[in-house]
Amino acid sequence: MMAEQIDSKQQSTGQRSEVIHDTVVLQLKLIVDGFRDLLLLPVCLGAGIWGLIRHQKNPGRYLYRVLSYGRLSEKWIGLFDEADKDIYEPLDYQDKKLNDILKKTQDAFESKYIDPAKKELLLDKFNLALNDINGKLQPKANKKNSEVTQD
């Protein structure tokens, strides 16, 4: 009987120390994840804008590369890896994601406040402006490439 009490006490202490450890580690991972997110805010914005300005054919080139690195860093941080220790029935979430909610909100807003013809005209003007910027930047890039090949 005494051996059972010692075993139970050691098991309880081990579980408690593991929970303390996992809680502290989670806090550190949350801090790292927060810094990563803080860094990604301007980097993603810059990558999206730079891609729109520099690349007419593949404007998402830089943004999607940054997102790939973001996904990789998410796996490296492993924020919720310890959820595997949950002994209860797994949570089953079949509902919509945030993207679905944002899309539905955008559609509702646009249908109520934005004229489709004006939207199309605005997008056309935006694309023309980006094409103009791309065209102005491309001769510089082509000139640099020709200078390099001549050397």
C-alpha atoms as a PDB file:
ATOM      1  CA  MET A   1       0.000   0.000   0.000  1.00  0.00           C
ATOM      2  CA  MET A   2       2.820   2.391   0.882  1.00  0.00           C
ATOM      3  CA  ALA A   3       4.554   1.699  -2.460  1.00  0.00           C
ATOM      4  CA  GLU A   4       1.319   2.548  -4.315  1.00  0.00           C
ATOM      5  CA  GLN A   5       1.094   5.902  -2.501  1.00  0.00           C
ATOM      6  CA  ILE A   6       4.717   6.749  -3.380  1.00  0.00           C
ATOM      7  CA  ASP A   7       4.124   5.724  -7.017  1.00  0.00           C
ATOM      8  CA  SER A   8       0.957   7.840  -7.198  1.00  0.00           C
ATOM      9  CA  LYS A   9       2.739  10.789  -5.579  1.00  0.00           C
ATOM     10  CA  GLN A  10       5.669  10.565  -8.007  1.00  0.00           C
ATOM     11  CA  GLN A  11       3.317  10.277 -10.973  1.00  0.00           C
ATOM     12  CA  SER A  12       1.318  13.308  -9.797  1.00  0.00           C
ATOM     13  CA  THR A  13       4.511  15.314  -9.249  1.00  0.00           C
ATOM     14  CA  GLY A  14       5.793  14.293 -12.686  1.00  0.00           C
ATOM     15  CA  GLN A  15       2.542  15.318 -14.339  1.00  0.00           C
ATOM     16  CA  ARG A  16       2.539  18.628 -12.510  1.00  0.00           C
ATOM     17  CA  SER A  17       6.129  19.398 -13.423  1.00  0.00           C
ATOM     18  CA  GLU A  18       5.370  18.499 -17.041  1.00  0.00           C
ATOM     19  CA  VAL A  19       2.369  20.866 -17.047  1.00  0.00           C
ATOM     20  CA  ILE A  20       4.509  23.633 -15.532  1.00  0.00           C
ATOM     21  CA  HIS A  21       7.210  23.018 -18.140  1.00  0.00           C
ATOM     22  CA  ASP A  22       4.711  22.940 -21.016  1.00  0.00           C
ATOM     23  CA  THR A  23       3.044  26.135 -19.765  1.00  0.00           C
ATOM     24  CA  VAL A  24       6.360  28.004 -19.596  1.00  0.00           C
ATOM     25  CA  VAL A  25       7.426  26.678 -22.996  1.00  0.00           C
ATOM     26  CA  LEU A  26       4.059  27.711 -24.475  1.00  0.00           C
ATOM     27  CA  GLN A  27       4.538  31.244 -23.161  1.00  0.00           C
ATOM     28  CA  LEU A  28       7.970  31.433 -24.785  1.00  0.00           C
ATOM     29  CA  LYS A  29       6.578  30.057 -28.055  1.00  0.00           C
ATOM     30  CA  LEU A  30       3.772  32.643 -27.943  1.00  0.00           C
ATOM     31  CA  ILE A  31       6.352  35.406 -27.539  1.00  0.00           C
ATOM     32  CA  VAL A  32       8.404  34.107 -30.484  1.00  0.00           C
ATOM     33  CA  ASP A  33       5.221  33.698 -32.550  1.00  0.00           C
ATOM     34  CA  GLY A  34       4.172  37.245 -31.674  1.00  0.00           C
ATOM     35  CA  PHE A  35       7.534  38.667 -32.746  1.00  0.00           C
ATOM     36  CA  ARG A  36       7.322  36.669 -35.961  1.00  0.00           C
ATOM     37  CA  ASP A  37       3.838  38.048 -36.644  1.00  0.00           C
ATOM     38  CA  LEU A  38       5.003  41.565 -35.841  1.00  0.00           C
ATOM     39  CA  LEU A  39       7.854  41.166 -38.318  1.00  0.00           C
ATOM     40  CA  LEU A  40       5.577  39.654 -40.961  1.00  0.00           C
ATOM     41  CA  LEU A  41       3.194  42.629 -40.946  1.00  0.00           C
ATOM     42  CA  PRO A  42       5.484  45.092 -42.762  1.00  0.00           C
ATOM     43  CA  VAL A  43       7.394  42.404 -44.675  1.00  0.00           C
ATOM     44  CA  CYS A  44       4.202  40.985 -46.243  1.00  0.00           C
ATOM     45  CA  LEU A  45       2.897  44.444 -47.039  1.00  0.00           C
ATOM     46  CA  GLY A  46       6.205  45.400 -48.640  1.00  0.00           C
ATOM     47  CA  ALA A  47       6.456  42.118 -50.542  1.00  0.00           C
ATOM     48  CA  GLY A  48       2.934  42.508 -51.897  1.00  0.00           C
ATOM     49  CA  ILE A  49       3.501  46.084 -53.009  1.00  0.00           C
ATOM     50  CA  TRP A  50       6.952  45.346 -54.439  1.00  0.00           C
ATOM     51  CA  GLY A  51       5.588  42.391 -56.409  1.00  0.00           C
ATOM     52  CA  LEU A  52       2.773  44.529 -57.816  1.00  0.00           C
ATOM     53  CA  ILE A  53       5.268  47.187 -58.875  1.00  0.00           C
ATOM     54  CA  ARG A  54       8.039  44.950 -60.218  1.00  0.00           C
ATOM     55  CA  HIS A  55       6.281  41.958 -61.768  1.00  0.00           C
ATOM     56  CA  GLN A  56       3.410  42.317 -64.182  1.00  0.00           C
ATOM     57  CA  LYS A  57       3.167  38.599 -64.970  1.00  0.00           C
ATOM     58  CA  ASN A  58       3.670  37.253 -61.440  1.00  0.00           C
ATOM     59  CA  PRO A  59       2.748  39.999 -58.947  1.00  0.00           C
ATOM     60  CA  GLY A  60       2.403  37.584 -56.010  1.00  0.00           C
ATOM     61  CA  ARG A  61       5.954  36.313 -56.412  1.00  0.00           C
ATOM     62  CA  TYR A  62       7.411  37.900 -53.270  1.00  0.00           C
ATOM     63  CA  LEU A  63       4.303  37.782 -51.093  1.00  0.00           C
ATOM     64  CA  TYR A  64       3.793  34.046 -51.555  1.00  0.00           C
ATOM     65  CA  ARG A  65       7.486  33.356 -50.920  1.00  0.00           C
ATOM     66  CA  VAL A  66       7.224  35.247 -47.626  1.00  0.00           C
ATOM     67  CA  LEU A  67       4.091  33.255 -46.782  1.00  0.00           C
ATOM     68  CA  SER A  68       6.006  30.028 -47.466  1.00  0.00           C
ATOM     69  CA  TYR A  69       8.668  31.137 -44.994  1.00  0.00           C
ATOM     70  CA  GLY A  70       5.895  32.061 -42.563  1.00  0.00           C
ATOM     71  CA  ARG A  71       4.399  28.584 -42.825  1.00  0.00           C
ATOM     72  CA  LEU A  72       7.832  27.053 -42.299  1.00  0.00           C
ATOM     73  CA  SER A  73       8.432  29.213 -39.215  1.00  0.00           C
ATOM     74  CA  GLU A  74       5.010  28.219 -37.890  1.00  0.00           C
ATOM     75  CA  LYS A  75       6.009  24.558 -38.063  1.00  0.00           C
ATOM     76  CA  TRP A  76       9.380  25.348 -36.479  1.00  0.00           C
ATOM     77  CA  ILE A  77       7.778  27.220 -33.568  1.00  0.00           C
ATOM     78  CA  GLY A  78       5.299  24.373 -33.050  1.00  0.00           C
ATOM     79  CA  LEU A  79       2.981  26.515 -30.987  1.00  0.00           C
ATOM     80  CA  PHE A  80       0.352  23.825 -30.425  1.00  0.00           C
ATOM     81  CA  ASP A  81       2.487  20.677 -30.586  1.00  0.00           C
ATOM     82  CA  GLU A  82       1.688  19.797 -26.981  1.00  0.00           C
ATOM     83  CA  ALA A  83      -2.027  19.511 -27.859  1.00  0.00           C
ATOM     84  CA  ASP A  84      -1.192  15.893 -28.754  1.00  0.00           C
ATOM     85  CA  LYS A  85      -1.131  15.222 -25.001  1.00  0.00           C
ATOM     86  CA  ASP A  86      -4.880  15.911 -24.749  1.00  0.00           C
ATOM     87  CA  ILE A  87      -6.437  12.689 -23.410  1.00  0.00           C
ATOM     88  CA  TYR A  88     -10.018  13.596 -24.281  1.00  0.00           C
ATOM     89  CA  GLU A  89     -11.906  13.054 -27.504  1.00  0.00           C
ATOM     90  CA  PRO A  90     -10.407  15.315 -30.197  1.00  0.00           C
ATOM     91  CA  LEU A  91     -12.256  18.486 -31.008  1.00  0.00           C
ATOM     92  CA  ASP A  92     -13.846  18.307 -34.431  1.00  0.00           C
ATOM     93  CA  TYR A  93     -14.150  21.683 -36.089  1.00  0.00           C
ATOM     94  CA  GLN A  94     -16.015  21.616 -39.377  1.00  0.00           C
ATOM     95  CA  ASP A  95     -17.083  25.249 -39.443  1.00  0.00           C
ATOM     96  CA  LYS A  96     -15.876  27.977 -41.724  1.00  0.00           C
ATOM     97  CA  LYS A  97     -12.456  29.567 -41.468  1.00  0.00           C
ATOM     98  CA  LEU A  98     -11.703  33.260 -41.029  1.00  0.00           C
ATOM     99  CA  ASN A  99     -11.115  33.580 -44.794  1.00  0.00           C
ATOM    100  CA  ASP A 100     -14.671  32.373 -45.443  1.00  0.00           C
ATOM    101  CA  ILE A 101     -16.101  34.931 -43.022  1.00  0.00           C
ATOM    102  CA  LEU A 102     -13.979  37.725 -44.533  1.00  0.00           C
ATOM    103  CA  LYS A 103     -15.068  36.783 -48.062  1.00  0.00           C
ATOM    104  CA  LYS A 104     -18.737  36.743 -47.039  1.00  0.00           C
ATOM    105  CA  THR A 105     -18.343  40.147 -45.365  1.00  0.00           C
ATOM    106  CA  GLN A 106     -16.575  41.549 -48.438  1.00  0.00           C
ATOM    107  CA  ASP A 107     -19.313  40.228 -50.738  1.00  0.00           C
ATOM    108  CA  ALA A 108     -22.059  41.700 -48.536  1.00  0.00           C
ATOM    109  CA  PHE A 109     -20.273  45.071 -48.354  1.00  0.00           C
ATOM    110  CA  GLU A 110     -19.626  45.194 -52.095  1.00  0.00           C
ATOM    111  CA  SER A 111     -23.172  44.195 -53.011  1.00  0.00           C
ATOM    112  CA  LYS A 112     -24.565  46.963 -50.824  1.00  0.00           C
ATOM    113  CA  TYR A 113     -22.102  49.814 -51.356  1.00  0.00           C
ATOM    114  CA  ILE A 114     -20.067  49.220 -54.522  1.00  0.00           C
ATOM    115  CA  ASP A 115     -21.289  49.484 -58.084  1.00  0.00           C
ATOM    116  CA  PRO A 116     -19.820  46.543 -60.080  1.00  0.00           C
ATOM    117  CA  ALA A 117     -19.192  48.714 -63.159  1.00  0.00           C
ATOM    118  CA  LYS A 118     -17.331  51.316 -61.097  1.00  0.00           C
ATOM    119  CA  LYS A 119     -15.360  48.576 -59.374  1.00  0.00           C
ATOM    120  CA  GLU A 120     -14.340  47.112 -62.732  1.00  0.00           C
ATOM    121  CA  LEU A 121     -13.358  50.563 -64.011  1.00  0.00           C
ATOM    122  CA  LEU A 122     -11.318  51.230 -60.868  1.00  0.00           C
ATOM    123  CA  LEU A 123      -9.543  47.858 -61.180  1.00  0.00           C
ATOM    124  CA  ASP A 124      -8.789  48.555 -64.849  1.00  0.00           C
ATOM    125  CA  LYS A 125      -7.298  51.947 -63.964  1.00  0.00           C
ATOM    126  CA  PHE A 126      -5.291  50.375 -61.158  1.00  0.00           C
ATOM    127  CA  ASN A 127      -3.928  47.704 -63.525  1.00  0.00           C
ATOM    128  CA  LEU A 128      -3.042  50.361 -66.113  1.00  0.00           C
ATOM    129  CA  ALA A 129      -1.184  52.356 -63.473  1.00  0.00           C
ATOM    130  CA  LEU A 130       0.725  49.250 -62.351  1.00  0.00           C
ATOM    131  CA  ASN A 131       1.517  48.373 -65.983  1.00  0.00           C
ATOM    132  CA  ASP A 132       2.833  51.904 -66.460  1.00  0.00           C
ATOM    133  CA  ILE A 133       5.056  51.542 -63.385  1.00  0.00           C
ATOM    134  CA  ASN A 134       6.208  48.092 -64.570  1.00  0.00           C
ATOM    135  CA  GLY A 135       7.036  49.531 -67.999  1.00  0.00           C
ATOM    136  CA  LYS A 136       9.053  52.364 -66.502  1.00  0.00           C
ATOM    137  CA  LEU A 137      11.014  49.985 -64.288  1.00  0.00           C
ATOM    138  CA  GLN A 138      11.608  47.314 -66.932  1.00  0.00           C
ATOM    139  CA  PRO A 139      13.810  49.402 -69.277  1.00  0.00           C
ATOM    140  CA  LYS A 140      16.156  50.044 -66.355  1.00  0.00           C
ATOM    141  CA  ALA A 141      16.319  46.333 -65.610  1.00  0.00           C
ATOM    142  CA  ASN A 142      16.847  45.473 -69.274  1.00  0.00           C
ATOM    143  CA  LYS A 143      19.556  48.154 -69.588  1.00  0.00           C
ATOM    144  CA  LYS A 144      21.372  46.753 -66.537  1.00  0.00           C
ATOM    145  CA  ASN A 145      21.177  43.217 -67.953  1.00  0.00           C
ATOM    146  CA  SER A 146      22.588  44.318 -71.306  1.00  0.00           C
ATOM    147  CA  GLU A 147      25.433  46.187 -69.580  1.00  0.00           C
ATOM    148  CA  VAL A 148      26.307  43.090 -67.567  1.00  0.00           C
ATOM    149  CA  THR A 149      26.361  40.859 -70.647  1.00  0.00           C
ATOM    150  CA  GLN A 150      28.554  43.354 -72.529  1.00  0.00           C
ATOM    151  CA  ASP A 151      31.184  43.308 -69.765  1.00  0.00           C
END
